[in-house]
PDB file of all heavy atoms in Angstrom:
ATOM      1  N   GLN A   1      30.959 -28.694 -60.771  1.00  0.00           N
ATOM      2  CA  GLN A   1      31.221 -28.432 -62.187  1.00  0.00           C
ATOM      3  C   GLN A   1      31.163 -26.943 -62.519  1.00  0.00           C
ATOM      4  O   GLN A   1      31.212 -26.569 -63.687  1.00  0.00           O
ATOM      5  CB  GLN A   1      30.223 -29.194 -63.063  1.00  0.00           C
ATOM      6  CG  GLN A   1      30.423 -30.680 -63.086  1.00  0.00           C
ATOM      7  CD  GLN A   1      29.580 -31.413 -62.066  1.00  0.00           C
ATOM      8  OE1 GLN A   1      28.964 -30.775 -61.200  1.00  0.00           O
ATOM      9  NE2 GLN A   1      29.498 -32.731 -62.142  1.00  0.00           N
ATOM     10  N   GLY A   2      30.992 -26.119 -61.486  1.00  0.00           N
ATOM     11  CA  GLY A   2      31.070 -24.671 -61.716  1.00  0.00           C
ATOM     12  C   GLY A   2      29.746 -23.952 -61.822  1.00  0.00           C
ATOM     13  O   GLY A   2      29.733 -22.742 -62.096  1.00  0.00           O
ATOM     14  N   LEU A   3      28.618 -24.620 -61.594  1.00  0.00           N
ATOM     15  CA  LEU A   3      27.329 -23.953 -61.672  1.00  0.00           C
ATOM     16  C   LEU A   3      26.738 -23.830 -60.266  1.00  0.00           C
ATOM     17  O   LEU A   3      26.636 -24.814 -59.521  1.00  0.00           O
ATOM     18  CB  LEU A   3      26.339 -24.738 -62.547  1.00  0.00           C
ATOM     19  CG  LEU A   3      26.741 -25.003 -64.010  1.00  0.00           C
ATOM     20  CD1 LEU A   3      25.608 -25.648 -64.753  1.00  0.00           C
ATOM     21  CD2 LEU A   3      27.201 -23.731 -64.695  1.00  0.00           C
ATOM     22  N   ASN A   4      26.297 -22.628 -59.892  1.00  0.00           N
ATOM     23  CA  ASN A   4      25.724 -22.390 -58.571  1.00  0.00           C
ATOM     24  C   ASN A   4      24.219 -22.171 -58.662  1.00  0.00           C
ATOM     25  O   ASN A   4      23.633 -21.475 -57.851  1.00  0.00           O
ATOM     26  CB  ASN A   4      26.395 -21.188 -57.900  1.00  0.00           C
ATOM     27  CG  ASN A   4      26.214 -19.898 -58.691  1.00  0.00           C
ATOM     28  OD1 ASN A   4      25.865 -19.927 -59.866  1.00  0.00           O
ATOM     29  ND2 ASN A   4      26.457 -18.775 -58.021  1.00  0.00           N
ATOM     30  N   PHE A   5      23.591 -22.788 -59.662  1.00  0.00           N
ATOM     31  CA  PHE A   5      22.139 -22.727 -59.818  1.00  0.00           C
ATOM     32  C   PHE A   5      21.698 -24.087 -60.361  1.00  0.00           C
ATOM     33  O   PHE A   5      22.532 -24.849 -60.884  1.00  0.00           O
ATOM     34  CB  PHE A   5      21.725 -21.582 -60.759  1.00  0.00           C
ATOM     35  CG  PHE A   5      22.541 -21.493 -62.023  1.00  0.00           C
ATOM     36  CD1 PHE A   5      22.209 -22.234 -63.152  1.00  0.00           C
ATOM     37  CD2 PHE A   5      23.647 -20.671 -62.078  1.00  0.00           C
ATOM     38  CE1 PHE A   5      22.956 -22.176 -64.309  1.00  0.00           C
ATOM     39  CE2 PHE A   5      24.421 -20.588 -63.245  1.00  0.00           C
ATOM     40  CZ  PHE A   5      24.077 -21.337 -64.350  1.00  0.00           C
ATOM     41  N   PRO A   6      20.407 -24.418 -60.310  1.00  0.00           N
ATOM     42  CA  PRO A   6      19.974 -25.783 -60.655  1.00  0.00           C
ATOM     43  C   PRO A   6      20.170 -26.164 -62.110  1.00  0.00           C
ATOM     44  O   PRO A   6      20.215 -27.371 -62.441  1.00  0.00           O
ATOM     45  CB  PRO A   6      18.472 -25.763 -60.296  1.00  0.00           C
ATOM     46  CG  PRO A   6      18.353 -24.741 -59.234  1.00  0.00           C
ATOM     47  CD  PRO A   6      19.346 -23.662 -59.628  1.00  0.00           C
ATOM     48  N   ALA A   7      20.263 -25.214 -63.041  1.00  0.00           N
ATOM     49  CA  ALA A   7      20.432 -25.520 -64.471  1.00  0.00           C
ATOM     50  C   ALA A   7      19.260 -26.327 -65.007  1.00  0.00           C
ATOM     51  O   ALA A   7      19.435 -27.295 -65.739  1.00  0.00           O
ATOM     52  CB  ALA A   7      21.766 -26.221 -64.732  1.00  0.00           C
ATOM     53  N   HIS A   8      18.057 -25.955 -64.613  1.00  0.00           N
ATOM     54  CA  HIS A   8      16.816 -26.520 -65.174  1.00  0.00           C
ATOM     55  C   HIS A   8      15.998 -25.342 -65.685  1.00  0.00           C
ATOM     56  O   HIS A   8      15.566 -24.504 -64.896  1.00  0.00           O
ATOM     57  CB  HIS A   8      16.045 -27.280 -64.064  1.00  0.00           C
ATOM     58  CG  HIS A   8      14.812 -27.991 -64.586  1.00  0.00           C
ATOM     59  ND1 HIS A   8      14.067 -28.818 -63.801  1.00  0.00           N
ATOM     60  CD2 HIS A   8      14.185 -27.984 -65.806  1.00  0.00           C
ATOM     61  CE1 HIS A   8      13.041 -29.306 -64.487  1.00  0.00           C
ATOM     62  NE2 HIS A   8      13.107 -28.789 -65.717  1.00  0.00           N
ATOM     63  N   PHE A   9      15.796 -25.285 -66.984  1.00  0.00           N
ATOM     64  CA  PHE A   9      15.187 -24.125 -67.617  1.00  0.00           C
ATOM     65  C   PHE A   9      14.002 -24.527 -68.476  1.00  0.00           C
ATOM     66  O   PHE A   9      13.866 -25.686 -68.886  1.00  0.00           O
ATOM     67  CB  PHE A   9      16.201 -23.384 -68.491  1.00  0.00           C
ATOM     68  CG  PHE A   9      17.477 -23.068 -67.779  1.00  0.00           C
ATOM     69  CD1 PHE A   9      18.627 -23.804 -68.014  1.00  0.00           C
ATOM     70  CD2 PHE A   9      17.544 -22.040 -66.859  1.00  0.00           C
ATOM     71  CE1 PHE A   9      19.802 -23.546 -67.350  1.00  0.00           C
ATOM     72  CE2 PHE A   9      18.717 -21.764 -66.180  1.00  0.00           C
ATOM     73  CZ  PHE A   9      19.855 -22.516 -66.425  1.00  0.00           C
ATOM     74  N   ILE A  10      13.152 -23.537 -68.742  1.00  0.00           N
ATOM     75  CA  ILE A  10      12.029 -23.724 -69.654  1.00  0.00           C
ATOM     76  C   ILE A  10      12.115 -22.627 -70.725  1.00  0.00           C
ATOM     77  O   ILE A  10      12.253 -21.459 -70.410  1.00  0.00           O
ATOM     78  CB  ILE A  10      10.672 -23.670 -68.936  1.00  0.00           C
ATOM     79  CG1 ILE A  10      10.634 -24.734 -67.843  1.00  0.00           C
ATOM     80  CG2 ILE A  10       9.538 -23.885 -69.918  1.00  0.00           C
ATOM     81  CD1 ILE A  10       9.335 -24.794 -67.071  1.00  0.00           C
ATOM     82  N   ILE A  11      12.078 -23.049 -71.999  1.00  0.00           N
ATOM     83  CA  ILE A  11      12.067 -22.128 -73.121  1.00  0.00           C
ATOM     84  C   ILE A  11      10.630 -22.076 -73.641  1.00  0.00           C
ATOM     85  O   ILE A  11      10.061 -23.123 -73.979  1.00  0.00           O
ATOM     86  CB  ILE A  11      13.030 -22.587 -74.222  1.00  0.00           C
ATOM     87  CG1 ILE A  11      14.439 -22.784 -73.654  1.00  0.00           C
ATOM     88  CG2 ILE A  11      13.058 -21.590 -75.368  1.00  0.00           C
ATOM     89  CD1 ILE A  11      15.411 -23.434 -74.631  1.00  0.00           C
ATOM     90  N   ILE A  12      10.067 -20.876 -73.697  1.00  0.00           N
ATOM     91  CA  ILE A  12       8.629 -20.739 -73.937  1.00  0.00           C
ATOM     92  C   ILE A  12       8.381 -19.758 -75.077  1.00  0.00           C
ATOM     93  O   ILE A  12       8.870 -18.622 -75.040  1.00  0.00           O
ATOM     94  CB  ILE A  12       7.920 -20.215 -72.655  1.00  0.00           C
ATOM     95  CG1 ILE A  12       8.251 -21.122 -71.478  1.00  0.00           C
ATOM     96  CG2 ILE A  12       6.422 -20.104 -72.857  1.00  0.00           C
ATOM     97  CD1 ILE A  12       7.811 -20.557 -70.119  1.00  0.00           C
ATOM     98  N   PRO A  13       7.593 -20.151 -76.083  1.00  0.00           N
ATOM     99  CA  PRO A  13       7.232 -19.187 -77.123  1.00  0.00           C
ATOM    100  C   PRO A  13       6.201 -18.195 -76.611  1.00  0.00           C
ATOM    101  O   PRO A  13       5.362 -18.544 -75.773  1.00  0.00           O
ATOM    102  CB  PRO A  13       6.630 -20.064 -78.232  1.00  0.00           C
ATOM    103  CG  PRO A  13       6.086 -21.251 -77.489  1.00  0.00           C
ATOM    104  CD  PRO A  13       6.994 -21.463 -76.306  1.00  0.00           C
ATOM    105  N   LEU A  14       6.239 -16.957 -77.094  1.00  0.00           N
ATOM    106  CA  LEU A  14       5.260 -15.975 -76.648  1.00  0.00           C
ATOM    107  C   LEU A  14       3.857 -16.255 -77.167  1.00  0.00           C
ATOM    108  O   LEU A  14       2.884 -16.094 -76.421  1.00  0.00           O
ATOM    109  CB  LEU A  14       5.699 -14.572 -77.089  1.00  0.00           C
ATOM    110  CG  LEU A  14       6.978 -14.037 -76.440  1.00  0.00           C
ATOM    111  CD1 LEU A  14       7.277 -12.613 -76.917  1.00  0.00           C
ATOM    112  CD2 LEU A  14       6.871 -14.057 -74.910  1.00  0.00           C
ATOM    113  N   PRO A  15       3.659 -16.715 -78.410  1.00  0.00           N
ATOM    114  CA  PRO A  15       2.298 -16.999 -78.856  1.00  0.00           C
ATOM    115  C   PRO A  15       1.675 -18.137 -78.074  1.00  0.00           C
ATOM    116  O   PRO A  15       2.327 -19.125 -77.731  1.00  0.00           O
ATOM    117  CB  PRO A  15       2.480 -17.379 -80.335  1.00  0.00           C
ATOM    118  CG  PRO A  15       3.770 -16.781 -80.732  1.00  0.00           C
ATOM    119  CD  PRO A  15       4.626 -16.831 -79.513  1.00  0.00           C
ATOM    120  N   HIS A  16       0.389 -18.011 -77.750  1.00  0.00           N
ATOM    121  CA  HIS A  16      -0.347 -19.019 -77.009  1.00  0.00           C
ATOM    122  C   HIS A  16      -0.850 -20.064 -77.997  1.00  0.00           C
ATOM    123  O   HIS A  16      -1.822 -19.852 -78.716  1.00  0.00           O
ATOM    124  CB  HIS A  16      -1.503 -18.339 -76.283  1.00  0.00           C
ATOM    125  CG  HIS A  16      -2.360 -19.288 -75.456  1.00  0.00           C
ATOM    126  ND1 HIS A  16      -1.889 -19.912 -74.332  1.00  0.00           N
ATOM    127  CD2 HIS A  16      -3.641 -19.720 -75.651  1.00  0.00           C
ATOM    128  CE1 HIS A  16      -2.869 -20.688 -73.834  1.00  0.00           C
ATOM    129  NE2 HIS A  16      -3.920 -20.568 -74.602  1.00  0.00           N
ATOM    130  N   ALA A  17      -0.174 -21.217 -78.047  1.00  0.00           N
ATOM    131  CA  ALA A  17      -0.542 -22.261 -79.003  1.00  0.00           C
ATOM    132  C   ALA A  17      -0.073 -23.623 -78.487  1.00  0.00           C
ATOM    133  O   ALA A  17       0.909 -23.702 -77.758  1.00  0.00           O
ATOM    134  CB  ALA A  17       0.093 -21.980 -80.369  1.00  0.00           C
ATOM    135  N   PRO A  18      -0.774 -24.712 -78.848  1.00  0.00           N
ATOM    136  CA  PRO A  18      -0.434 -26.048 -78.347  1.00  0.00           C
ATOM    137  C   PRO A  18       0.816 -26.645 -78.966  1.00  0.00           C
ATOM    138  O   PRO A  18       1.500 -27.458 -78.367  1.00  0.00           O
ATOM    139  CB  PRO A  18      -1.664 -26.882 -78.687  1.00  0.00           C
ATOM    140  CG  PRO A  18      -2.272 -26.216 -79.864  1.00  0.00           C
ATOM    141  CD  PRO A  18      -2.021 -24.756 -79.643  1.00  0.00           C
ATOM    142  N   THR A  19       1.111 -26.256 -80.214  1.00  0.00           N
ATOM    143  CA  THR A  19       2.305 -26.738 -80.900  1.00  0.00           C
ATOM    144  C   THR A  19       2.913 -25.577 -81.664  1.00  0.00           C
ATOM    145  O   THR A  19       2.237 -24.562 -81.940  1.00  0.00           O
ATOM    146  CB  THR A  19       1.985 -27.870 -81.911  1.00  0.00           C
ATOM    147  OG1 THR A  19       1.188 -27.320 -82.974  1.00  0.00           O
ATOM    148  CG2 THR A  19       1.231 -28.998 -81.243  1.00  0.00           C
ATOM    149  N   ILE A  20       4.154 -25.690 -82.051  1.00  0.00           N
ATOM    150  CA  ILE A  20       4.784 -24.602 -82.810  1.00  0.00           C
ATOM    151  C   ILE A  20       4.190 -24.474 -84.201  1.00  0.00           C
ATOM    152  O   ILE A  20       3.855 -23.367 -84.622  1.00  0.00           O
ATOM    153  CB  ILE A  20       6.305 -24.792 -82.836  1.00  0.00           C
ATOM    154  CG1 ILE A  20       6.886 -24.618 -81.425  1.00  0.00           C
ATOM    155  CG2 ILE A  20       6.957 -23.761 -83.783  1.00  0.00           C
ATOM    156  CD1 ILE A  20       8.348 -24.887 -81.298  1.00  0.00           C
ATOM    157  N   PRO A  21       3.999 -25.570 -84.959  1.00  0.00           N
ATOM    158  CA  PRO A  21       3.395 -25.416 -86.278  1.00  0.00           C
ATOM    159  C   PRO A  21       2.002 -24.769 -86.268  1.00  0.00           C
ATOM    160  O   PRO A  21       1.613 -24.133 -87.240  1.00  0.00           O
ATOM    161  CB  PRO A  21       3.331 -26.839 -86.816  1.00  0.00           C
ATOM    162  CG  PRO A  21       4.435 -27.561 -86.100  1.00  0.00           C
ATOM    163  CD  PRO A  21       4.452 -26.962 -84.740  1.00  0.00           C
ATOM    164  N   SER A  22       1.277 -24.928 -85.137  1.00  0.00           N
ATOM    165  CA  SER A  22      -0.069 -24.373 -85.076  1.00  0.00           C
ATOM    166  C   SER A  22      -0.082 -22.851 -84.906  1.00  0.00           C
ATOM    167  O   SER A  22      -1.147 -22.225 -84.948  1.00  0.00           O
ATOM    168  CB  SER A  22      -0.862 -25.002 -83.928  1.00  0.00           C
ATOM    169  OG  SER A  22      -0.334 -24.608 -82.678  1.00  0.00           O
ATOM    170  N   MET A  23       1.083 -22.228 -84.716  1.00  0.00           N
ATOM    171  CA  MET A  23       1.132 -20.780 -84.526  1.00  0.00           C
ATOM    172  C   MET A  23       0.967 -20.018 -85.838  1.00  0.00           C
ATOM    173  O   MET A  23       0.663 -18.826 -85.831  1.00  0.00           O
ATOM    174  CB  MET A  23       2.481 -20.365 -83.908  1.00  0.00           C
ATOM    175  CG  MET A  23       2.721 -20.876 -82.504  1.00  0.00           C
ATOM    176  SD  MET A  23       4.402 -20.466 -81.970  1.00  0.00           S
ATOM    177  CE  MET A  23       4.530 -21.509 -80.527  1.00  0.00           C
ATOM    178  N   GLY A  24       1.206 -20.697 -86.961  1.00  0.00           N
ATOM    179  CA  GLY A  24       1.127 -20.014 -88.245  1.00  0.00           C
ATOM    180  C   GLY A  24       1.713 -20.867 -89.326  1.00  0.00           C
ATOM    181  O   GLY A  24       2.146 -22.003 -89.081  1.00  0.00           O
ATOM    182  N   SER A  25       1.704 -20.379 -90.523  1.00  0.00           N
ATOM    183  CA  SER A  25       2.179 -21.164 -91.671  1.00  0.00           C
ATOM    184  C   SER A  25       3.637 -21.616 -91.470  1.00  0.00           C
ATOM    185  O   SER A  25       4.529 -20.777 -91.364  1.00  0.00           O
ATOM    186  CB  SER A  25       2.071 -20.348 -92.958  1.00  0.00           C
ATOM    187  OG  SER A  25       2.692 -21.012 -94.040  1.00  0.00           O
ATOM    188  N   PRO A  26       3.867 -22.935 -91.420  1.00  0.00           N
ATOM    189  CA  PRO A  26       5.257 -23.421 -91.239  1.00  0.00           C
ATOM    190  C   PRO A  26       6.171 -23.012 -92.377  1.00  0.00           C
ATOM    191  O   PRO A  26       7.391 -22.940 -92.197  1.00  0.00           O
ATOM    192  CB  PRO A  26       5.087 -24.940 -91.158  1.00  0.00           C
ATOM    193  CG  PRO A  26       3.660 -25.154 -90.790  1.00  0.00           C
ATOM    194  CD  PRO A  26       2.890 -24.045 -91.439  1.00  0.00           C
ATOM    195  N   SER A  27       5.606 -22.768 -93.560  1.00  0.00           N
ATOM    196  CA  SER A  27       6.440 -22.445 -94.719  1.00  0.00           C
ATOM    197  C   SER A  27       6.730 -20.968 -94.860  1.00  0.00           C
ATOM    198  O   SER A  27       7.552 -20.561 -95.663  1.00  0.00           O
ATOM    199  CB  SER A  27       5.771 -22.944 -96.002  1.00  0.00           C
ATOM    200  OG  SER A  27       4.481 -22.340 -96.158  1.00  0.00           O
ATOM    201  N   ASP A  28       6.058 -20.147 -94.032  1.00  0.00           N
ATOM    202  CA  ASP A  28       6.251 -18.707 -94.103  1.00  0.00           C
ATOM    203  C   ASP A  28       7.361 -18.305 -93.115  1.00  0.00           C
ATOM    204  O   ASP A  28       7.164 -18.437 -91.911  1.00  0.00           O
ATOM    205  CB  ASP A  28       4.942 -17.976 -93.761  1.00  0.00           C
ATOM    206  CG  ASP A  28       5.084 -16.456 -93.800  1.00  0.00           C
ATOM    207  OD1 ASP A  28       6.190 -15.971 -94.116  1.00  0.00           O
ATOM    208  OD2 ASP A  28       4.076 -15.769 -93.505  1.00  0.00           O
ATOM    209  N   PRO A  29       8.501 -17.799 -93.575  1.00  0.00           N
ATOM    210  CA  PRO A  29       9.594 -17.455 -92.654  1.00  0.00           C
ATOM    211  C   PRO A  29       9.268 -16.308 -91.726  1.00  0.00           C
ATOM    212  O   PRO A  29       9.973 -16.081 -90.745  1.00  0.00           O
ATOM    213  CB  PRO A  29      10.742 -17.105 -93.612  1.00  0.00           C
ATOM    214  CG  PRO A  29      10.089 -16.710 -94.891  1.00  0.00           C
ATOM    215  CD  PRO A  29       8.844 -17.568 -94.999  1.00  0.00           C
ATOM    216  N   ASN A  30       8.205 -15.540 -92.017  1.00  0.00           N
ATOM    217  CA  ASN A  30       7.827 -14.412 -91.163  1.00  0.00           C
ATOM    218  C   ASN A  30       6.647 -14.734 -90.252  1.00  0.00           C
ATOM    219  O   ASN A  30       6.144 -13.851 -89.561  1.00  0.00           O
ATOM    220  CB  ASN A  30       7.488 -13.205 -92.033  1.00  0.00           C
ATOM    221  CG  ASN A  30       8.684 -12.698 -92.814  1.00  0.00           C
ATOM    222  OD1 ASN A  30       9.768 -12.563 -92.245  1.00  0.00           O
ATOM    223  ND2 ASN A  30       8.516 -12.437 -94.098  1.00  0.00           N
ATOM    224  N   SER A  31       6.174 -15.977 -90.268  1.00  0.00           N
ATOM    225  CA  SER A  31       5.040 -16.350 -89.434  1.00  0.00           C
ATOM    226  C   SER A  31       5.471 -16.429 -87.964  1.00  0.00           C
ATOM    227  O   SER A  31       6.658 -16.537 -87.651  1.00  0.00           O
ATOM    228  CB  SER A  31       4.453 -17.692 -89.861  1.00  0.00           C
ATOM    229  OG  SER A  31       5.370 -18.746 -89.560  1.00  0.00           O
ATOM    230  N   ASP A  32       4.505 -16.369 -87.043  1.00  0.00           N
ATOM    231  CA  ASP A  32       4.799 -16.502 -85.615  1.00  0.00           C
ATOM    232  C   ASP A  32       5.526 -17.837 -85.362  1.00  0.00           C
ATOM    233  O   ASP A  32       6.414 -17.912 -84.533  1.00  0.00           O
ATOM    234  CB  ASP A  32       3.504 -16.471 -84.791  1.00  0.00           C
ATOM    235  CG  ASP A  32       2.927 -15.074 -84.674  1.00  0.00           C
ATOM    236  OD1 ASP A  32       3.630 -14.111 -85.079  1.00  0.00           O
ATOM    237  OD2 ASP A  32       1.782 -14.938 -84.225  1.00  0.00           O
ATOM    238  N   ALA A  33       5.086 -18.901 -86.071  1.00  0.00           N
ATOM    239  CA  ALA A  33       5.699 -20.214 -85.884  1.00  0.00           C
ATOM    240  C   ALA A  33       7.181 -20.200 -86.237  1.00  0.00           C
ATOM    241  O   ALA A  33       8.030 -20.656 -85.474  1.00  0.00           O
ATOM    242  CB  ALA A  33       4.948 -21.249 -86.734  1.00  0.00           C
ATOM    243  N   SER A  34       7.494 -19.638 -87.402  1.00  0.00           N
ATOM    244  CA  SER A  34       8.906 -19.625 -87.845  1.00  0.00           C
ATOM    245  C   SER A  34       9.773 -18.766 -86.938  1.00  0.00           C
ATOM    246  O   SER A  34      10.878 -19.150 -86.570  1.00  0.00           O
ATOM    247  CB  SER A  34       8.979 -19.118 -89.294  1.00  0.00           C
ATOM    248  OG  SER A  34       8.287 -19.969 -90.169  1.00  0.00           O
ATOM    249  N   ARG A  35       9.263 -17.587 -86.564  1.00  0.00           N
ATOM    250  CA  ARG A  35      10.052 -16.692 -85.731  1.00  0.00           C
ATOM    251  C   ARG A  35      10.274 -17.304 -84.325  1.00  0.00           C
ATOM    252  O   ARG A  35      11.380 -17.242 -83.794  1.00  0.00           O
ATOM    253  CB  ARG A  35       9.395 -15.331 -85.616  1.00  0.00           C
ATOM    254  CG  ARG A  35       9.331 -14.544 -86.926  1.00  0.00           C
ATOM    255  CD  ARG A  35       9.072 -13.073 -86.678  1.00  0.00           C
ATOM    256  NE  ARG A  35       7.956 -12.866 -85.775  1.00  0.00           N
ATOM    257  CZ  ARG A  35       6.695 -12.739 -86.148  1.00  0.00           C
ATOM    258  NH1 ARG A  35       6.388 -12.828 -87.433  1.00  0.00           N
ATOM    259  NH2 ARG A  35       5.726 -12.565 -85.262  1.00  0.00           N
ATOM    260  N   ALA A  36       9.205 -17.861 -83.769  1.00  0.00           N
ATOM    261  CA  ALA A  36       9.332 -18.429 -82.409  1.00  0.00           C
ATOM    262  C   ALA A  36      10.277 -19.621 -82.424  1.00  0.00           C
ATOM    263  O   ALA A  36      11.148 -19.761 -81.541  1.00  0.00           O
ATOM    264  CB  ALA A  36       7.954 -18.852 -81.900  1.00  0.00           C
TER     265      ALA A  36
END
């Protein structure tokens, strides 16, 4: 199909947190959670 690599990736947020909402205020567009 035209790919010469496994095509298995991991997307990782930089902040160290168990969930995305736990990184900061979910309602704040400038929080770590929103940006990540």
